Amino acid sequence: MNDLLKWREEFPILEKTTYLISNSLGAMPRGVYDRMQDYAETWATRGVRAWEESWWELAAETSDRIGALIGARPGEVSVHQNVTLTQAVIASCFDFSGPRNKIVMVDLEFPSVQYFYFEQQRRGARVELIPSEDGLRVPMGKFLAAIDEHTLLVPISYVLFRSATIVDARAIIERAHRVGAHVVLDIFQATGTVPVDVRALNADFAVGGVLKWLCGGPGVAYLYVRPDLRTKLEPGVTGWFAHQRPFQFEPGPIARRDDAFRFMTGTTQIPALYACQPGLEIIAQVGVQRIRENSIRQTTRLMNGARARGWRVNSPENSSERGGTVSVDCPHAAEENIGNLARDILVDYRPKAGIRLSPHFYNRDEEIDFALAQIEEILATHAWERHLQPV
């Protein structure tokens, strides 16, 4: 028996659904109920005193818990509301008006990040979007060649959201550093299911969130900045949490902190910080390496089952190149997803990918087999059609 399954009872939704969508939203740990009650009780009984008694330090404590999972040291990570905001904080540190103003991206990047960087063209940025040749991978030759002496920033996902392809981040970082560019490594789809060590990679920046594989819910993203870069940068997107003496409420220019709070903005998202604690605790106890080993086994099972049914798989065959998701491009994939939802099989569909199935450490092998069998039955019977009929 898989000993990781002892954790299943900590996730209530697993009792009633086949939950294979941790790439989008991790299952909620049972402990969140108590943590949100703690939040409400603290607010109700301590009122404004909560800030000095616990709330102010909660951001730093959460940052360090996340940092421990990505190879960062205490004090090297800050928390934010979402990954797009972390990208904005990073971009605000740089001037795009000079000759070094190019941003190199691949078209497989998450759309929100693309939207943000294309808007930086208003500030003088030039965006070079490199098209993928197969829809699965970064075309490394063309991508590395595009990173030149005019390149300022290279936003790149460690694990691509559509195909779950693991990108050769080290090669990109080394190339960028040779020409004086900076890499913004998005580890959202990696952290919690693929081991990450931002220091070993020598990443300039790393961003992500607790929403997915960390089972932490929405509202908490994180930003790592390489320590030797930290005090050299002055983010234009800032706020009172980044000020050296925030509770003196001093008017005028900011006196920036030197630690990770230098990259903070305004008031932190306290309820979300409470909610993410049980997930972070569980992932730390289970261990990402153990999760990774189980993930490779289960995603291989998924791929074999899909291919045995004649379906195209839009994720890498080689497990060393594959994150925690398998994208299955079966016929009528978009309509299929409607049928899956009707049967309490929680997966999702993405254009140019197909149905994304993402087992986590709390999933049984039987759930993988069941989901594939249900997709096969829905296809054979066109069961989704009755869910598309007007009411």
Protein backbone atom coordinates (compact mmCIF):
# COMPACT_ATOMS: atom_id res chain seq x y z
CA MET A 1 0.00 0.00 0.00
CA ASN A 2 1.15 3.53 -0.75
CA ASP A 3 1.87 4.99 2.72
CA LEU A 4 1.22 8.52 1.42
CA LEU A 5 -2.48 7.65 1.38
CA LYS A 6 -2.62 8.04 5.14
CA TRP A 7 -2.94 11.76 4.39
CA ARG A 8 -6.20 11.32 2.45
CA GLU A 9 -8.36 11.83 5.52
CA GLU A 10 -6.93 15.34 5.87
CA PHE A 11 -8.67 16.43 2.64
CA PRO A 12 -12.48 16.37 2.89
CA ILE A 13 -13.21 16.74 -0.84
CA LEU A 14 -11.58 13.37 -1.54
CA GLU A 15 -14.48 11.63 0.20
CA LYS A 16 -16.96 12.59 -2.52
CA THR A 17 -14.99 13.37 -5.69
CA THR A 18 -12.24 12.05 -7.90
CA TYR A 19 -9.93 15.01 -7.40
CA LEU A 20 -7.30 15.18 -10.14
CA ILE A 21 -6.94 18.95 -10.51
CA SER A 22 -4.18 19.93 -8.07
CA ASN A 23 -2.43 21.69 -10.96
CA SER A 24 -5.22 24.28 -10.74
CA LEU A 25 -6.37 24.22 -7.11
CA GLY A 26 -5.02 21.85 -4.51
CA ALA A 27 -7.49 20.05 -2.29
CA MET A 28 -8.26 21.94 0.91
CA PRO A 29 -6.79 20.43 4.09
CA ARG A 30 -9.23 19.86 6.93
CA GLY A 31 -7.07 22.02 9.14
CA VAL A 32 -8.13 25.14 7.23
CA TYR A 33 -11.44 25.12 9.12
CA ASP A 34 -9.59 25.57 12.42
CA ARG A 35 -7.17 28.15 11.05
CA MET A 36 -9.96 30.32 9.69
CA GLN A 37 -11.73 30.03 13.03
CA ASP A 38 -8.48 31.18 14.69
CA TYR A 39 -8.42 34.17 12.37
CA ALA A 40 -12.01 35.10 13.16
CA GLU A 41 -11.48 34.59 16.88
CA THR A 42 -8.33 36.72 16.89
CA TRP A 43 -10.04 39.53 15.03
CA ALA A 44 -13.13 39.29 17.23
CA THR A 45 -11.30 39.25 20.56
CA ARG A 46 -8.01 41.06 19.98
CA GLY A 47 -9.08 43.60 17.39
CA VAL A 48 -6.34 45.96 16.31
CA ARG A 49 -3.98 44.42 18.87
CA ALA A 50 -3.70 41.44 16.53
CA TRP A 51 -1.26 43.35 14.36
CA GLU A 52 1.44 43.61 17.01
CA GLU A 53 0.62 40.25 18.60
CA SER A 54 0.68 38.01 15.52
CA TRP A 55 -0.51 39.45 12.22
CA TRP A 56 2.54 41.56 11.40
CA GLU A 57 4.92 38.60 11.74
CA LEU A 58 2.62 36.18 9.92
CA ALA A 59 3.88 37.32 6.51
CA ALA A 60 7.51 36.67 7.49
CA GLU A 61 6.71 33.31 9.08
CA THR A 62 4.79 32.19 5.99
CA SER A 63 7.56 33.42 3.70
CA ASP A 64 10.13 31.34 5.55
CA ARG A 65 7.92 28.24 5.41
CA ILE A 66 7.63 28.63 1.65
CA GLY A 67 11.32 29.41 1.35
CA ALA A 68 12.23 26.13 3.03
CA LEU A 69 10.38 24.28 0.25
CA ILE A 70 12.27 26.02 -2.58
CA GLY A 71 15.81 26.06 -1.22
CA ALA A 72 15.76 29.65 0.05
CA ARG A 73 17.09 30.72 3.43
CA PRO A 74 15.08 32.52 6.13
CA GLY A 75 14.43 36.14 5.20
CA GLU A 76 14.85 35.66 1.43
CA VAL A 77 11.18 35.37 0.41
CA SER A 78 8.29 37.84 0.55
CA VAL A 79 4.57 37.13 0.12
CA HIS A 80 2.15 38.90 -2.23
CA GLN A 81 -1.42 38.56 -3.51
CA ASN A 82 -0.74 36.83 -6.85
CA VAL A 83 2.05 36.02 -9.28
CA THR A 84 1.21 38.83 -11.68
CA LEU A 85 1.83 41.28 -8.85
CA THR A 86 5.21 39.68 -8.13
CA GLN A 87 6.11 40.18 -11.79
CA ALA A 88 5.05 43.82 -11.51
CA VAL A 89 7.24 44.36 -8.45
CA ILE A 90 10.22 42.86 -10.28
CA ALA A 91 9.65 44.82 -13.50
CA SER A 92 9.32 48.05 -11.53
CA CYS A 93 12.96 47.68 -10.47
CA PHE A 94 14.17 48.17 -14.04
CA ASP A 95 14.36 50.96 -16.61
CA PHE A 96 13.23 50.01 -20.10
CA SER A 97 14.15 53.31 -21.73
CA GLY A 98 17.75 52.37 -22.60
CA PRO A 99 19.24 50.01 -25.18
CA ARG A 100 18.92 47.01 -22.81
CA ASN A 101 15.14 46.81 -22.89
CA LYS A 102 14.25 43.43 -24.37
CA ILE A 103 12.05 40.84 -22.70
CA VAL A 104 12.36 37.30 -24.04
CA MET A 105 9.42 34.94 -23.52
CA VAL A 106 8.03 31.73 -24.98
CA ASP A 107 4.43 31.64 -26.21
CA LEU A 108 3.72 28.75 -23.79
CA GLU A 109 3.99 31.10 -20.82
CA PHE A 110 0.87 31.56 -18.69
CA PRO A 111 -1.29 34.25 -20.37
CA SER A 112 -1.50 36.58 -17.35
CA VAL A 113 2.28 36.90 -17.37
CA GLN A 114 2.32 37.54 -21.13
CA TYR A 115 -0.37 40.20 -20.79
CA PHE A 116 1.63 41.97 -18.10
CA TYR A 117 4.92 42.06 -20.02
CA PHE A 118 3.35 43.14 -23.29
CA GLU A 119 1.91 46.10 -21.40
CA GLN A 120 5.45 47.05 -20.39
CA GLN A 121 5.92 48.18 -23.99
CA ARG A 122 4.33 51.42 -22.74
CA ARG A 123 7.48 51.86 -20.63
CA GLY A 124 9.80 51.23 -23.58
CA ALA A 125 10.15 47.45 -23.34
CA ARG A 126 10.53 45.30 -26.45
CA VAL A 127 8.96 41.88 -26.15
CA GLU A 128 10.30 39.01 -28.24
CA LEU A 129 7.85 36.11 -28.06
CA ILE A 130 9.43 32.84 -29.19
CA PRO A 131 6.91 30.34 -30.62
CA SER A 132 7.05 26.73 -29.53
CA GLU A 133 7.60 24.31 -32.38
CA ASP A 134 5.57 21.44 -30.95
CA GLY A 135 3.26 23.10 -28.43
CA LEU A 136 4.95 21.16 -25.63
CA ARG A 137 8.47 22.47 -25.19
CA VAL A 138 10.56 25.61 -25.28
CA PRO A 139 12.61 25.62 -28.52
CA MET A 140 15.86 25.95 -26.60
CA GLY A 141 18.14 26.81 -29.52
CA LYS A 142 16.00 29.73 -30.66
CA PHE A 143 15.19 30.78 -27.10
CA LEU A 144 18.79 30.92 -25.95
CA ALA A 145 19.84 32.72 -29.14
CA ALA A 146 17.23 35.41 -28.48
CA ILE A 147 18.80 36.20 -25.10
CA ASP A 148 21.45 38.73 -26.07
CA GLU A 149 23.18 41.90 -24.85
CA HIS A 150 19.94 43.86 -25.33
CA THR A 151 17.95 41.52 -23.09
CA LEU A 152 16.91 42.79 -19.68
CA LEU A 153 14.44 40.19 -18.37
CA VAL A 154 13.65 36.57 -19.21
CA PRO A 155 10.40 35.41 -17.59
CA ILE A 156 10.19 31.61 -17.87
CA SER A 157 8.19 28.88 -16.16
CA TYR A 158 10.13 25.99 -14.66
CA VAL A 159 7.15 23.74 -15.47
CA LEU A 160 4.92 24.81 -18.37
CA PHE A 161 1.25 24.97 -17.42
CA ARG A 162 -0.22 23.35 -20.56
CA SER A 163 2.11 20.41 -21.11
CA ALA A 164 3.83 20.09 -17.69
CA THR A 165 7.19 20.09 -19.49
CA ILE A 166 10.10 20.80 -17.17
CA VAL A 167 12.24 23.53 -18.71
CA ASP A 168 16.05 23.51 -18.62
CA ALA A 169 16.14 26.49 -16.30
CA ARG A 170 19.83 26.16 -15.56
CA ALA A 171 20.78 26.57 -19.23
CA ILE A 172 18.55 29.65 -19.53
CA ILE A 173 19.92 31.22 -16.35
CA GLU A 174 23.52 30.59 -17.38
CA ARG A 175 22.93 32.09 -20.83
CA ALA A 176 21.18 35.13 -19.37
CA HIS A 177 23.98 35.76 -16.89
CA ARG A 178 26.63 35.57 -19.61
CA VAL A 179 25.01 38.52 -21.39
CA GLY A 180 23.98 40.47 -18.28
CA ALA A 181 20.23 39.65 -18.32
CA HIS A 182 18.04 38.56 -15.42
CA VAL A 183 15.76 35.52 -15.28
CA VAL A 184 12.36 35.56 -13.57
CA LEU A 185 11.74 31.87 -12.85
CA ASP A 186 8.07 30.99 -12.35
CA ILE A 187 7.98 27.87 -10.16
CA PHE A 188 4.20 27.86 -9.57
CA GLN A 189 3.60 24.53 -11.35
CA ALA A 190 6.68 22.94 -9.74
CA THR A 191 6.71 23.75 -6.04
CA GLY A 192 5.13 20.94 -4.06
CA THR A 193 5.46 18.28 -6.75
CA VAL A 194 8.90 18.85 -8.35
CA PRO A 195 11.92 19.59 -6.14
CA VAL A 196 13.17 23.17 -6.57
CA ASP A 197 16.36 24.77 -5.24
CA VAL A 198 16.51 28.41 -6.25
CA ARG A 199 19.98 28.89 -4.80
CA ALA A 200 21.43 25.89 -6.61
CA LEU A 201 19.93 27.20 -9.85
CA ASN A 202 21.38 30.66 -9.13
CA ALA A 203 17.99 32.15 -9.99
CA ASP A 204 17.78 35.94 -9.96
CA PHE A 205 14.11 35.86 -9.09
CA ALA A 206 11.63 33.06 -8.42
CA VAL A 207 7.89 33.48 -8.13
CA GLY A 208 4.97 31.19 -7.45
CA GLY A 209 1.93 30.65 -5.28
CA VAL A 210 0.42 28.25 -2.75
CA LEU A 211 -2.82 27.79 -4.72
CA LYS A 212 -1.92 24.57 -6.52
CA TRP A 213 0.41 21.80 -5.35
CA LEU A 214 0.95 23.41 -1.93
CA CYS A 215 -2.78 23.10 -1.12
CA GLY A 216 -2.82 26.61 0.28
CA GLY A 217 -5.75 28.26 -1.47
CA PRO A 218 -5.92 31.60 -3.31
CA GLY A 219 -4.42 34.88 -2.18
CA VAL A 220 -0.80 34.00 -1.37
CA ALA A 221 2.00 34.28 -3.91
CA TYR A 222 5.70 34.51 -3.13
CA LEU A 223 8.81 36.23 -4.46
CA TYR A 224 12.43 35.18 -4.00
CA VAL A 225 15.20 37.63 -4.90
CA ARG A 226 18.82 36.53 -5.09
CA PRO A 227 20.47 37.96 -1.95
CA ASP A 228 23.26 39.82 -3.74
CA LEU A 229 20.68 41.56 -5.94
CA ARG A 230 18.30 42.52 -3.17
CA THR A 231 19.80 45.79 -1.93
CA LYS A 232 20.79 46.87 -5.47
CA LEU A 233 17.17 47.03 -6.62
CA GLU A 234 14.57 49.67 -5.85
CA PRO A 235 11.06 48.53 -6.76
CA GLY A 236 8.72 51.24 -7.98
CA VAL A 237 5.73 49.11 -7.00
CA THR A 238 6.00 49.35 -3.24
CA GLY A 239 4.11 50.23 -0.08
CA TRP A 240 4.26 50.77 3.64
CA PHE A 241 5.26 47.19 4.48
CA ALA A 242 8.55 47.84 2.66
CA HIS A 243 9.35 50.91 4.80
CA GLN A 244 11.97 50.63 7.55
CA ARG A 245 9.67 52.23 10.14
CA PRO A 246 6.14 51.45 8.95
CA PHE A 247 4.37 52.31 12.17
CA GLN A 248 5.87 55.79 12.31
CA PHE A 249 3.78 56.65 9.24
CA GLU A 250 6.38 59.07 7.93
CA PRO A 251 5.46 61.27 4.95
CA GLY A 252 7.63 61.56 1.85
CA PRO A 253 9.90 59.05 0.08
CA ILE A 254 10.23 55.51 1.33
CA ALA A 255 13.18 54.38 3.42
CA ARG A 256 13.53 50.88 2.02
CA ARG A 257 14.19 47.83 4.13
CA ASP A 258 17.18 45.67 3.27
CA ASP A 259 15.56 42.28 3.82
CA ALA A 260 12.91 40.48 1.75
CA PHE A 261 10.26 42.94 2.96
CA ARG A 262 11.96 45.44 0.64
CA PHE A 263 9.77 43.95 -2.11
CA MET A 264 6.50 44.03 -0.18
CA THR A 265 3.69 46.43 -1.03
CA GLY A 266 0.65 47.32 1.07
CA THR A 267 -1.30 45.57 3.78
CA THR A 268 -0.96 41.79 3.65
CA GLN A 269 -3.75 39.33 2.96
CA ILE A 270 -4.16 38.03 6.52
CA PRO A 271 -7.09 35.57 5.97
CA ALA A 272 -5.23 33.91 3.08
CA LEU A 273 -2.07 33.66 5.17
CA TYR A 274 -4.03 31.81 7.84
CA ALA A 275 -5.64 29.50 5.27
CA CYS A 276 -2.37 28.40 3.66
CA GLN A 277 -0.70 27.15 6.84
CA PRO A 278 -2.10 23.57 6.97
CA GLY A 279 -1.12 22.87 3.37
CA LEU A 280 2.42 24.15 3.89
CA GLU A 281 2.74 22.06 7.05
CA ILE A 282 1.54 18.89 5.34
CA ILE A 283 3.77 19.28 2.27
CA ALA A 284 6.77 19.86 4.54
CA GLN A 285 5.96 16.72 6.52
CA VAL A 286 5.37 14.54 3.48
CA GLY A 287 8.46 15.84 1.65
CA VAL A 288 8.60 17.03 -1.95
CA GLN A 289 11.03 14.30 -2.99
CA ARG A 290 8.58 11.59 -1.88
CA ILE A 291 5.78 13.42 -3.66
CA ARG A 292 7.88 13.59 -6.81
CA GLU A 293 8.60 9.86 -6.80
CA ASN A 294 4.91 9.07 -6.41
CA SER A 295 4.00 11.63 -9.07
CA ILE A 296 6.31 10.07 -11.65
CA ARG A 297 4.75 6.67 -11.02
CA GLN A 298 1.18 7.92 -11.24
CA THR A 299 1.66 10.19 -14.26
CA THR A 300 3.34 7.28 -16.05
CA ARG A 301 0.28 5.18 -15.25
CA LEU A 302 -1.91 7.95 -16.65
CA MET A 303 0.06 8.22 -19.87
CA ASN A 304 0.06 4.47 -20.42
CA GLY A 305 -3.69 4.30 -19.84
CA ALA A 306 -4.39 7.18 -22.22
CA ARG A 307 -2.20 5.81 -24.99
CA ALA A 308 -3.69 2.33 -24.62
CA ARG A 309 -7.00 3.95 -25.57
CA GLY A 310 -5.46 5.61 -28.61
CA TRP A 311 -5.46 9.14 -27.22
CA ARG A 312 -2.75 11.70 -27.88
CA VAL A 313 -0.77 12.79 -24.83
CA ASN A 314 0.51 16.37 -24.83
CA SER A 315 3.05 15.90 -22.04
CA PRO A 316 6.64 14.60 -22.25
CA GLU A 317 7.19 10.85 -22.36
CA ASN A 318 10.42 11.13 -20.38
CA SER A 319 9.53 11.44 -16.68
CA SER A 320 12.59 13.61 -16.02
CA GLU A 321 11.07 16.21 -18.37
CA ARG A 322 7.53 15.95 -16.96
CA GLY A 323 5.94 17.74 -14.02
CA GLY A 324 2.85 16.56 -12.15
CA THR A 325 0.27 16.91 -14.92
CA VAL A 326 -0.66 14.81 -17.94
CA SER A 327 -2.54 16.56 -20.75
CA VAL A 328 -4.72 14.11 -22.66
CA ASP A 329 -5.98 15.26 -26.06
CA CYS A 330 -8.84 12.87 -26.71
CA PRO A 331 -11.70 13.58 -29.16
CA HIS A 332 -14.21 16.19 -27.97
CA ALA A 333 -11.90 17.06 -25.07
CA ALA A 334 -13.68 20.33 -24.24
CA GLU A 335 -17.10 18.65 -24.17
CA GLU A 336 -15.63 15.69 -22.31
CA ASN A 337 -14.71 17.95 -19.44
CA ILE A 338 -18.38 18.89 -18.98
CA GLY A 339 -19.22 15.21 -18.64
CA ASN A 340 -16.41 14.67 -16.16
CA LEU A 341 -17.63 17.50 -13.95
CA ALA A 342 -21.14 16.05 -14.01
CA ARG A 343 -19.68 12.81 -12.63
CA ASP A 344 -17.65 14.55 -9.90
CA ILE A 345 -14.38 13.85 -11.67
CA LEU A 346 -12.54 17.12 -11.16
CA VAL A 347 -10.11 17.77 -13.99
CA ASP A 348 -9.86 20.68 -16.42
CA TYR A 349 -9.48 21.48 -20.09
CA ARG A 350 -7.04 23.88 -21.72
CA PRO A 351 -6.93 24.77 -25.44
CA LYS A 352 -3.95 23.24 -27.27
CA ALA A 353 -3.46 20.84 -24.37
CA GLY A 354 -6.60 18.82 -23.79
CA ILE A 355 -7.87 17.45 -20.51
CA ARG A 356 -5.32 18.02 -17.76
CA LEU A 357 -5.18 15.30 -15.09
CA SER A 358 -3.00 15.97 -12.07
CA PRO A 359 -2.71 13.32 -9.37
CA HIS A 360 -1.15 14.41 -6.08
CA PHE A 361 0.21 12.41 -3.16
CA TYR A 362 -3.30 11.93 -1.77
CA ASN A 363 -4.71 10.23 -4.88
CA ARG A 364 -5.18 6.47 -5.21
CA ASP A 365 -4.05 4.65 -8.33
CA GLU A 366 -7.62 3.41 -8.71
CA GLU A 367 -8.81 7.00 -9.15
CA ILE A 368 -6.55 7.39 -12.17
CA ASP A 369 -7.93 4.22 -13.74
CA PHE A 370 -11.49 5.27 -12.91
CA ALA A 371 -11.09 8.73 -14.47
CA LEU A 372 -9.72 7.27 -17.71
CA ALA A 373 -12.51 4.68 -17.84
CA GLN A 374 -15.12 7.37 -17.32
CA ILE A 375 -13.66 9.53 -20.10
CA GLU A 376 -13.78 6.49 -22.37
CA GLU A 377 -17.42 5.84 -21.48
CA ILE A 378 -18.42 9.48 -21.93
CA LEU A 379 -16.82 9.42 -25.38
CA ALA A 380 -18.57 6.20 -26.35
CA THR A 381 -22.02 7.37 -25.22
CA HIS A 382 -21.72 11.12 -26.01
CA ALA A 383 -22.91 11.61 -22.43
CA TRP A 384 -21.85 15.25 -22.42
CA GLU A 385 -24.56 16.15 -24.93
CA ARG A 386 -27.37 16.05 -22.40
CA HIS A 387 -25.46 18.54 -20.25
CA LEU A 388 -25.28 20.95 -23.18
CA GLN A 389 -29.04 20.94 -23.81
CA PRO A 390 -30.85 24.21 -22.95
CA VAL A 391 -32.86 24.02 -19.74
